[in-house]
Amino acid sequence: AGGRTFAQTPATAAFPSMPQAAIDAGGLDAALPPE
């Protein structure tokens, strides 16, 4: 839709599989720590 997409960096997540799946799917604007 032309929006922006982000995920938490897996290394900073208590449970990394959701953000890792988003990263693996490709096309994110960035993966960053929550802060």
Full PDB file with SEQRES, HELIX, SHEET, SSBOND, CRYST1, ORIGX, SCALE, CONECT and MASTER records, all heavy atoms in Angstrom:
SEQRES   1 A   35  ALA GLY GLY ARG THR PHE ALA GLN THR PRO ALA THR ALA          
SEQRES   2 A   35  ALA PHE PRO SER MET PRO GLN ALA ALA ILE ASP ALA GLY          
SEQRES   3 A   35  GLY LEU ASP ALA ALA LEU PRO PRO GLU                          
HELIX    1 AA1 PRO A   10  THR A   12  5                                   3    
HELIX    2 AA2 SER A   17  ALA A   25  1                                   9    
SHEET    1 AA1 2 PHE A   6  GLN A   8  0                                        
SHEET    2 AA1 2 ALA A  30  LEU A  32  1                                        
CRYST1    1.000    1.000    1.000  90.00  90.00  90.00 P 1           1          
ORIGX1      1.000000  0.000000  0.000000        0.00000                         
ORIGX2      0.000000  1.000000  0.000000        0.00000                         
ORIGX3      0.000000  0.000000  1.000000        0.00000                         
SCALE1      1.000000  0.000000  0.000000        0.00000                         
SCALE2      0.000000  1.000000  0.000000        0.00000                         
SCALE3      0.000000  0.000000  1.000000        0.00000                         
ATOM      1  N   ALA A   1       0.819  -1.216   0.000  1.00  0.00           N  
ATOM      2  CA  ALA A   1       0.000   0.000   0.000  1.00  0.00           C  
ATOM      3  C   ALA A   1       0.854   1.268   0.000  1.00  0.00           C  
ATOM      4  O   ALA A   1       0.314   2.374   0.023  1.00  0.00           O  
ATOM      5  CB  ALA A   1      -0.935  -0.003   1.207  1.00  0.00           C  
ATOM      6  N   GLY A   2       2.171   1.114   0.008  1.00  0.00           N  
ATOM      7  CA  GLY A   2       3.064   2.271   0.005  1.00  0.00           C  
ATOM      8  C   GLY A   2       3.451   2.754   1.383  1.00  0.00           C  
ATOM      9  O   GLY A   2       4.077   3.800   1.526  1.00  0.00           O  
ATOM     10  N   GLY A   3       3.086   1.971   2.421  1.00  0.00           N  
ATOM     11  CA  GLY A   3       3.433   2.347   3.787  1.00  0.00           C  
ATOM     12  C   GLY A   3       4.843   1.916   4.153  1.00  0.00           C  
ATOM     13  O   GLY A   3       5.589   1.382   3.327  1.00  0.00           O  
ATOM     14  N   ARG A   4       5.191   2.143   5.395  1.00  0.00           N  
ATOM     15  CA  ARG A   4       6.530   1.803   5.891  1.00  0.00           C  
ATOM     16  C   ARG A   4       6.432   0.598   6.805  1.00  0.00           C  
ATOM     17  O   ARG A   4       5.443   0.419   7.516  1.00  0.00           O  
ATOM     18  CB  ARG A   4       7.111   2.990   6.666  1.00  0.00           C  
ATOM     19  CG  ARG A   4       7.029   4.282   5.894  1.00  0.00           C  
ATOM     20  CD  ARG A   4       8.277   4.940   5.448  1.00  0.00           C  
ATOM     21  NE  ARG A   4       9.493   4.434   5.968  1.00  0.00           N  
ATOM     22  CZ  ARG A   4      10.484   5.178   6.401  1.00  0.00           C  
ATOM     23  NH1 ARG A   4      10.375   6.472   6.418  1.00  0.00           N  
ATOM     24  NH2 ARG A   4      11.599   4.640   6.826  1.00  0.00           N  
ATOM     25  N   THR A   5       7.489  -0.217   6.827  1.00  0.00           N  
ATOM     26  CA  THR A   5       7.478  -1.446   7.618  1.00  0.00           C  
ATOM     27  C   THR A   5       8.767  -1.597   8.417  1.00  0.00           C  
ATOM     28  O   THR A   5       9.860  -1.328   7.919  1.00  0.00           O  
ATOM     29  CB  THR A   5       7.282  -2.679   6.717  1.00  0.00           C  
ATOM     30  OG1 THR A   5       8.308  -2.711   5.721  1.00  0.00           O  
ATOM     31  CG2 THR A   5       5.914  -2.651   6.036  1.00  0.00           C  
ATOM     32  N   PHE A   6       8.598  -2.052   9.664  1.00  0.00           N  
ATOM     33  CA  PHE A   6       9.718  -2.201  10.576  1.00  0.00           C  
ATOM     34  C   PHE A   6       9.549  -3.460  11.416  1.00  0.00           C  
ATOM     35  O   PHE A   6       8.435  -3.917  11.639  1.00  0.00           O  
ATOM     36  CB  PHE A   6       9.806  -0.991  11.525  1.00  0.00           C  
ATOM     37  CG  PHE A   6      10.001   0.303  10.812  1.00  0.00           C  
ATOM     38  CD1 PHE A   6       8.915   1.072  10.414  1.00  0.00           C  
ATOM     39  CD2 PHE A   6      11.273   0.762  10.521  1.00  0.00           C  
ATOM     40  CE1 PHE A   6       9.084   2.262   9.740  1.00  0.00           C  
ATOM     41  CE2 PHE A   6      11.462   1.954   9.842  1.00  0.00           C  
ATOM     42  CZ  PHE A   6      10.362   2.714   9.451  1.00  0.00           C  
ATOM     43  N   ALA A   7      10.660  -3.971  11.895  1.00  0.00           N  
ATOM     44  CA  ALA A   7      10.646  -5.096  12.830  1.00  0.00           C  
ATOM     45  C   ALA A   7      11.705  -4.852  13.890  1.00  0.00           C  
ATOM     46  O   ALA A   7      12.716  -4.176  13.646  1.00  0.00           O  
ATOM     47  CB  ALA A   7      10.929  -6.410  12.110  1.00  0.00           C  
ATOM     48  N   GLN A   8      11.464  -5.418  15.043  1.00  0.00           N  
ATOM     49  CA  GLN A   8      12.451  -5.404  16.114  1.00  0.00           C  
ATOM     50  C   GLN A   8      13.610  -6.294  15.704  1.00  0.00           C  
ATOM     51  O   GLN A   8      13.408  -7.364  15.115  1.00  0.00           O  
ATOM     52  CB  GLN A   8      11.807  -5.929  17.399  1.00  0.00           C  
ATOM     53  CG  GLN A   8      12.730  -5.978  18.581  1.00  0.00           C  
ATOM     54  CD  GLN A   8      12.020  -6.454  19.849  1.00  0.00           C  
ATOM     55  OE1 GLN A   8      10.832  -6.771  19.839  1.00  0.00           O  
ATOM     56  NE2 GLN A   8      12.759  -6.486  20.950  1.00  0.00           N  
ATOM     57  N   THR A   9      14.832  -5.902  16.012  1.00  0.00           N  
ATOM     58  CA  THR A   9      15.960  -6.775  15.727  1.00  0.00           C  
ATOM     59  C   THR A   9      15.827  -8.030  16.578  1.00  0.00           C  
ATOM     60  O   THR A   9      15.572  -7.941  17.784  1.00  0.00           O  
ATOM     61  CB  THR A   9      17.310  -6.086  16.025  1.00  0.00           C  
ATOM     62  OG1 THR A   9      17.251  -5.498  17.320  1.00  0.00           O  
ATOM     63  CG2 THR A   9      17.648  -5.035  14.997  1.00  0.00           C  
ATOM     64  N   PRO A  10      15.962  -9.196  15.959  1.00  0.00           N  
ATOM     65  CA  PRO A  10      15.789 -10.443  16.713  1.00  0.00           C  
ATOM     66  C   PRO A  10      16.681 -10.548  17.952  1.00  0.00           C  
ATOM     67  O   PRO A  10      16.242 -11.085  18.970  1.00  0.00           O  
ATOM     68  CB  PRO A  10      16.114 -11.513  15.676  1.00  0.00           C  
ATOM     69  CG  PRO A  10      15.730 -10.889  14.376  1.00  0.00           C  
ATOM     70  CD  PRO A  10      16.128  -9.444  14.522  1.00  0.00           C  
ATOM     71  N   ALA A  11      17.879 -10.021  17.884  1.00  0.00           N  
ATOM     72  CA  ALA A  11      18.795 -10.111  19.025  1.00  0.00           C  
ATOM     73  C   ALA A  11      18.274  -9.355  20.245  1.00  0.00           C  
ATOM     74  O   ALA A  11      18.683  -9.648  21.373  1.00  0.00           O  
ATOM     75  CB  ALA A  11      20.177  -9.590  18.644  1.00  0.00           C  
ATOM     76  N   THR A  12      17.359  -8.403  20.047  1.00  0.00           N  
ATOM     77  CA  THR A  12      16.819  -7.625  21.172  1.00  0.00           C  
ATOM     78  C   THR A  12      15.450  -8.134  21.617  1.00  0.00           C  
ATOM     79  O   THR A  12      14.866  -7.581  22.543  1.00  0.00           O  
ATOM     80  CB  THR A  12      16.695  -6.135  20.794  1.00  0.00           C  
ATOM     81  OG1 THR A  12      15.707  -5.985  19.765  1.00  0.00           O  
ATOM     82  CG2 THR A  12      18.022  -5.566  20.339  1.00  0.00           C  
ATOM     83  N   ALA A  13      14.934  -9.165  20.957  1.00  0.00           N  
ATOM     84  CA  ALA A  13      13.596  -9.685  21.257  1.00  0.00           C  
ATOM     85  C   ALA A  13      13.677 -10.885  22.191  1.00  0.00           C  
ATOM     86  O   ALA A  13      14.528 -11.762  22.020  1.00  0.00           O  
ATOM     87  CB  ALA A  13      12.898 -10.104  19.962  1.00  0.00           C  
ATOM     88  N   ALA A  14      12.765 -10.938  23.150  1.00  0.00           N  
ATOM     89  CA  ALA A  14      12.701 -12.098  24.052  1.00  0.00           C  
ATOM     90  C   ALA A  14      12.346 -13.357  23.265  1.00  0.00           C  
ATOM     91  O   ALA A  14      12.840 -14.441  23.563  1.00  0.00           O  
ATOM     92  CB  ALA A  14      11.675 -11.846  25.153  1.00  0.00           C  
ATOM     93  N   PHE A  15      11.494 -13.207  22.265  1.00  0.00           N  
ATOM     94  CA  PHE A  15      11.110 -14.299  21.367  1.00  0.00           C  
ATOM     95  C   PHE A  15      11.303 -13.784  19.948  1.00  0.00           C  
ATOM     96  O   PHE A  15      10.474 -13.007  19.447  1.00  0.00           O  
ATOM     97  CB  PHE A  15       9.661 -14.734  21.631  1.00  0.00           C  
ATOM     98  CG  PHE A  15       9.477 -15.361  22.980  1.00  0.00           C  
ATOM     99  CD1 PHE A  15       9.251 -14.584  24.098  1.00  0.00           C  
ATOM    100  CD2 PHE A  15       9.566 -16.739  23.124  1.00  0.00           C  
ATOM    101  CE1 PHE A  15       9.112 -15.159  25.351  1.00  0.00           C  
ATOM    102  CE2 PHE A  15       9.422 -17.332  24.370  1.00  0.00           C  
ATOM    103  CZ  PHE A  15       9.197 -16.544  25.491  1.00  0.00           C  
ATOM    104  N   PRO A  16      12.385 -14.181  19.280  1.00  0.00           N  
ATOM    105  CA  PRO A  16      12.769 -13.553  18.019  1.00  0.00           C  
ATOM    106  C   PRO A  16      12.085 -14.065  16.747  1.00  0.00           C  
ATOM    107  O   PRO A  16      12.286 -13.490  15.685  1.00  0.00           O  
ATOM    108  CB  PRO A  16      14.272 -13.833  17.952  1.00  0.00           C  
ATOM    109  CG  PRO A  16      14.448 -15.115  18.684  1.00  0.00           C  
ATOM    110  CD  PRO A  16      13.427 -15.074  19.795  1.00  0.00           C  
ATOM    111  N   SER A  17      11.262 -15.109  16.808  1.00  0.00           N  
ATOM    112  CA  SER A  17      10.797 -15.674  15.540  1.00  0.00           C  
ATOM    113  C   SER A  17       9.841 -14.765  14.768  1.00  0.00           C  
ATOM    114  O   SER A  17       9.875 -14.751  13.537  1.00  0.00           O  
ATOM    115  CB  SER A  17      10.206 -17.071  15.724  1.00  0.00           C  
ATOM    116  OG  SER A  17       9.119 -17.068  16.590  1.00  0.00           O  
ATOM    117  N   MET A  18       8.995 -13.971  15.430  1.00  0.00           N  
ATOM    118  CA  MET A  18       8.119 -13.051  14.692  1.00  0.00           C  
ATOM    119  C   MET A  18       8.926 -12.002  13.937  1.00  0.00           C  
ATOM    120  O   MET A  18       8.751 -11.847  12.726  1.00  0.00           O  
ATOM    121  CB  MET A  18       7.108 -12.373  15.624  1.00  0.00           C  
ATOM    122  CG  MET A  18       5.757 -13.061  15.660  1.00  0.00           C  
ATOM    123  SD  MET A  18       4.581 -12.354  16.861  1.00  0.00           S  
ATOM    124  CE  MET A  18       4.407 -10.657  16.354  1.00  0.00           C  
ATOM    125  N   PRO A  19       9.821 -11.273  14.603  1.00  0.00           N  
ATOM    126  CA  PRO A  19      10.599 -10.294  13.841  1.00  0.00           C  
ATOM    127  C   PRO A  19      11.518 -10.956  12.804  1.00  0.00           C  
ATOM    128  O   PRO A  19      11.698 -10.417  11.711  1.00  0.00           O  
ATOM    129  CB  PRO A  19      11.383  -9.511  14.885  1.00  0.00           C  
ATOM    130  CG  PRO A  19      11.222 -10.219  16.174  1.00  0.00           C  
ATOM    131  CD  PRO A  19      10.062 -11.134  16.052  1.00  0.00           C  
ATOM    132  N   GLN A  20      12.044 -12.132  13.119  1.00  0.00           N  
ATOM    133  CA  GLN A  20      12.909 -12.809  12.148  1.00  0.00           C  
ATOM    134  C   GLN A  20      12.129 -13.206  10.898  1.00  0.00           C  
ATOM    135  O   GLN A  20      12.619 -13.069   9.780  1.00  0.00           O  
ATOM    136  CB  GLN A  20      13.565 -14.045  12.766  1.00  0.00           C  
ATOM    137  CG  GLN A  20      14.613 -14.685  11.860  1.00  0.00           C  
ATOM    138  CD  GLN A  20      15.783 -13.749  11.591  1.00  0.00           C  
ATOM    139  OE1 GLN A  20      16.458 -13.289  12.523  1.00  0.00           O  
ATOM    140  NE2 GLN A  20      16.036 -13.440  10.329  1.00  0.00           N  
ATOM    141  N   ALA A  21      10.886 -13.666  11.072  1.00  0.00           N  
ATOM    142  CA  ALA A  21      10.053 -14.016   9.918  1.00  0.00           C  
ATOM    143  C   ALA A  21       9.790 -12.787   9.053  1.00  0.00           C  
ATOM    144  O   ALA A  21       9.806 -12.866   7.821  1.00  0.00           O  
ATOM    145  CB  ALA A  21       8.737 -14.642  10.383  1.00  0.00           C  
ATOM    146  N   ALA A  22       9.565 -11.643   9.695  1.00  0.00           N  
ATOM    147  CA  ALA A  22       9.343 -10.401   8.938  1.00  0.00           C  
ATOM    148  C   ALA A  22      10.593 -10.015   8.158  1.00  0.00           C  
ATOM    149  O   ALA A  22      10.516  -9.602   6.997  1.00  0.00           O  
ATOM    150  CB  ALA A  22       8.934  -9.281   9.891  1.00  0.00           C  
ATOM    151  N   ILE A  23      11.745 -10.164   8.777  1.00  0.00           N  
ATOM    152  CA  ILE A  23      13.010  -9.856   8.104  1.00  0.00           C  
ATOM    153  C   ILE A  23      13.229 -10.820   6.950  1.00  0.00           C  
ATOM    154  O   ILE A  23      13.586 -10.409   5.838  1.00  0.00           O  
ATOM    155  CB  ILE A  23      14.182  -9.910   9.112  1.00  0.00           C  
ATOM    156  CG1 ILE A  23      14.053  -8.772  10.121  1.00  0.00           C  
ATOM    157  CG2 ILE A  23      15.532  -9.872   8.389  1.00  0.00           C  
ATOM    158  CD1 ILE A  23      14.927  -8.920  11.349  1.00  0.00           C  
ATOM    159  N   ASP A  24      13.008 -12.113   7.190  1.00  0.00           N  
ATOM    160  CA  ASP A  24      13.218 -13.127   6.158  1.00  0.00           C  
ATOM    161  C   ASP A  24      12.313 -12.922   4.952  1.00  0.00           C  
ATOM    162  O   ASP A  24      12.680 -13.264   3.823  1.00  0.00           O  
ATOM    163  CB  ASP A  24      13.006 -14.531   6.725  1.00  0.00           C  
ATOM    164  CG  ASP A  24      14.084 -14.931   7.726  1.00  0.00           C  
ATOM    165  OD1 ASP A  24      15.126 -14.240   7.808  1.00  0.00           O  
ATOM    166  OD2 ASP A  24      13.859 -15.935   8.446  1.00  0.00           O  
ATOM    167  N   ALA A  25      11.113 -12.363   5.174  1.00  0.00           N  
ATOM    168  CA  ALA A  25      10.184 -12.118   4.067  1.00  0.00           C  
ATOM    169  C   ALA A  25      10.688 -11.008   3.145  1.00  0.00           C  
ATOM    170  O   ALA A  25      10.285 -10.926   1.997  1.00  0.00           O  
ATOM    171  CB  ALA A  25       8.800 -11.767   4.615  1.00  0.00           C  
ATOM    172  N   GLY A  26      11.583 -10.168   3.655  1.00  0.00           N  
ATOM    173  CA  GLY A  26      12.186  -9.112   2.839  1.00  0.00           C  
ATOM    174  C   GLY A  26      11.313  -7.876   2.730  1.00  0.00           C  
ATOM    175  O   GLY A  26      10.128  -7.881   3.067  1.00  0.00           O  
ATOM    176  N   GLY A  27      11.921  -6.805   2.279  1.00  0.00           N  
ATOM    177  CA  GLY A  27      11.195  -5.577   2.003  1.00  0.00           C  
ATOM    178  C   GLY A  27      10.968  -4.657   3.180  1.00  0.00           C  
ATOM    179  O   GLY A  27      10.244  -3.675   3.051  1.00  0.00           O  
ATOM    180  N   LEU A  28      11.567  -4.939   4.330  1.00  0.00           N  
ATOM    181  CA  LEU A  28      11.415  -4.042   5.475  1.00  0.00           C  
ATOM    182  C   LEU A  28      12.170  -2.737   5.233  1.00  0.00           C  
ATOM    183  O   LEU A  28      13.217  -2.732   4.579  1.00  0.00           O  
ATOM    184  CB  LEU A  28      11.989  -4.667   6.738  1.00  0.00           C  
ATOM    185  CG  LEU A  28      11.219  -5.758   7.430  1.00  0.00           C  
ATOM    186  CD1 LEU A  28      11.987  -6.210   8.673  1.00  0.00           C  
ATOM    187  CD2 LEU A  28       9.824  -5.334   7.810  1.00  0.00           C  
ATOM    188  N   ASP A  29      11.660  -1.651   5.804  1.00  0.00           N  
ATOM    189  CA  ASP A  29      12.422  -0.411   5.781  1.00  0.00           C  
ATOM    190  C   ASP A  29      13.605  -0.502   6.734  1.00  0.00           C  
ATOM    191  O   ASP A  29      14.675   0.031   6.443  1.00  0.00           O  
ATOM    192  CB  ASP A  29      11.532   0.765   6.150  1.00  0.00           C  
ATOM    193  CG  ASP A  29      10.579   1.101   5.013  1.00  0.00           C  
ATOM    194  OD1 ASP A  29      11.057   1.488   3.932  1.00  0.00           O  
ATOM    195  OD2 ASP A  29       9.361   0.943   5.199  1.00  0.00           O  
ATOM    196  N   ALA A  30      13.410  -1.188   7.878  1.00  0.00           N  
ATOM    197  CA  ALA A  30      14.514  -1.347   8.834  1.00  0.00           C  
ATOM    198  C   ALA A  30      14.137  -2.343   9.906  1.00  0.00           C  
ATOM    199  O   ALA A  30      12.967  -2.530  10.221  1.00  0.00           O  
ATOM    200  CB  ALA A  30      14.876  -0.014   9.489  1.00  0.00           C  
ATOM    201  N   ALA A  31      15.150  -2.976  10.470  1.00  0.00           N  
ATOM    202  CA  ALA A  31      15.026  -3.791  11.680  1.00  0.00           C  
ATOM    203  C   ALA A  31      15.893  -3.106  12.720  1.00  0.00           C  
ATOM    204  O   ALA A  31      17.094  -2.895  12.495  1.00  0.00           O  
ATOM    205  CB  ALA A  31      15.488  -5.215  11.429  1.00  0.00           C  
ATOM    206  N   LEU A  32      15.279  -2.727  13.840  1.00  0.00           N  
ATOM    207  CA  LEU A  32      15.953  -1.936  14.856  1.00  0.00           C  
ATOM    208  C   LEU A  32      15.534  -2.365  16.247  1.00  0.00           C  
ATOM    209  O   LEU A  32      14.459  -2.962  16.418  1.00  0.00           O  
ATOM    210  CB  LEU A  32      15.582  -0.434  14.688  1.00  0.00           C  
ATOM    211  CG  LEU A  32      15.907   0.211  13.353  1.00  0.00           C  
ATOM    212  CD1 LEU A  32      15.139   1.516  13.192  1.00  0.00           C  
ATOM    213  CD2 LEU A  32      17.401   0.453  13.249  1.00  0.00           C  
ATOM    214  N   PRO A  33      16.322  -2.037  17.276  1.00  0.00           N  
ATOM    215  CA  PRO A  33      15.857  -2.272  18.651  1.00  0.00           C  
ATOM    216  C   PRO A  33      14.602  -1.409  18.893  1.00  0.00           C  
ATOM    217  O   PRO A  33      14.421  -0.378  18.241  1.00  0.00           O  
ATOM    218  CB  PRO A  33      17.021  -1.789  19.520  1.00  0.00           C  
ATOM    219  CG  PRO A  33      18.201  -1.726  18.612  1.00  0.00           C  
ATOM    220  CD  PRO A  33      17.682  -1.481  17.243  1.00  0.00           C  
ATOM    221  N   PRO A  34      13.739  -1.816  19.830  1.00  0.00           N  
ATOM    222  CA  PRO A  34      12.485  -1.077  20.045  1.00  0.00           C  
ATOM    223  C   PRO A  34      12.672   0.414  20.276  1.00  0.00           C  
ATOM    224  O   PRO A  34      11.917   1.231  19.756  1.00  0.00           O  
ATOM    225  CB  PRO A  34      11.875  -1.750  21.273  1.00  0.00           C  
ATOM    226  CG  PRO A  34      12.439  -3.120  21.283  1.00  0.00           C  
ATOM    227  CD  PRO A  34      13.825  -2.992  20.711  1.00  0.00           C  
ATOM    228  N   GLU A  35      13.697   0.782  21.037  1.00  0.00           N  
ATOM    229  CA  GLU A  35      13.874   2.204  21.346  1.00  0.00           C  
ATOM    230  C   GLU A  35      14.327   3.013  20.141  1.00  0.00           C  
ATOM    231  O   GLU A  35      14.267   4.243  20.157  1.00  0.00           O  
ATOM    232  CB  GLU A  35      14.826   2.422  22.530  1.00  0.00           C  
ATOM    233  CG  GLU A  35      16.076   1.622  22.572  1.00  0.00           C  
ATOM    234  CD  GLU A  35      15.891   0.160  22.992  1.00  0.00           C  
ATOM    235  OE1 GLU A  35      15.107  -0.153  23.894  1.00  0.00           O  
ATOM    236  OE2 GLU A  35      16.563  -0.677  22.374  1.00  0.00           O  
TER     237      GLU A  35                                                      
MASTER        0    0    0    2    2    0    0    6  236    1    0    3          
END                                                                             
